[in-house]
């Protein structure tokens, strides 16, 4: 498998999980249930970001330095939201944080899919992508 294909397929799982989280929130699920569902997403999501930063970004180096800084900054923001959401915050904080989390994560995924990954694909041939994929730490991605 090519590393960019792996990351794209992981994005598909994350989007599916976000829909479940949104549905639970819309139905007024209790905070513990929402936090538990977000916890299910958290581990593979954080592993995904770690793999991008550890495996993909270093090989793109100076050519994509600016976009990489943007992606890393968004990863840090997403991580912060995840930490707040899994800590079972108050209902008001959960709603505000969840809204911001959903917006930034969806925007981040769109940016990677529409701009970053196509640009990276131009720089990395299939053989290089396959070699990089072997360096990925596979997280426990479980569809909710």
Foldseek 3Di string as FASTA:
>chain_A
DFQLVVLLVLLVLLVLLLVVLVVCVVVPHALQVSLVSLVLVPFQLLLSLVLCVPQPPVVCPPVCVPVVVVLVVLSVVLNVLNVVSNVSDDPVVNVVSSVVNVVSSVVSSCCCVVPVVVVSPVVDDRVRRVVSNVVRDGTPRDRD
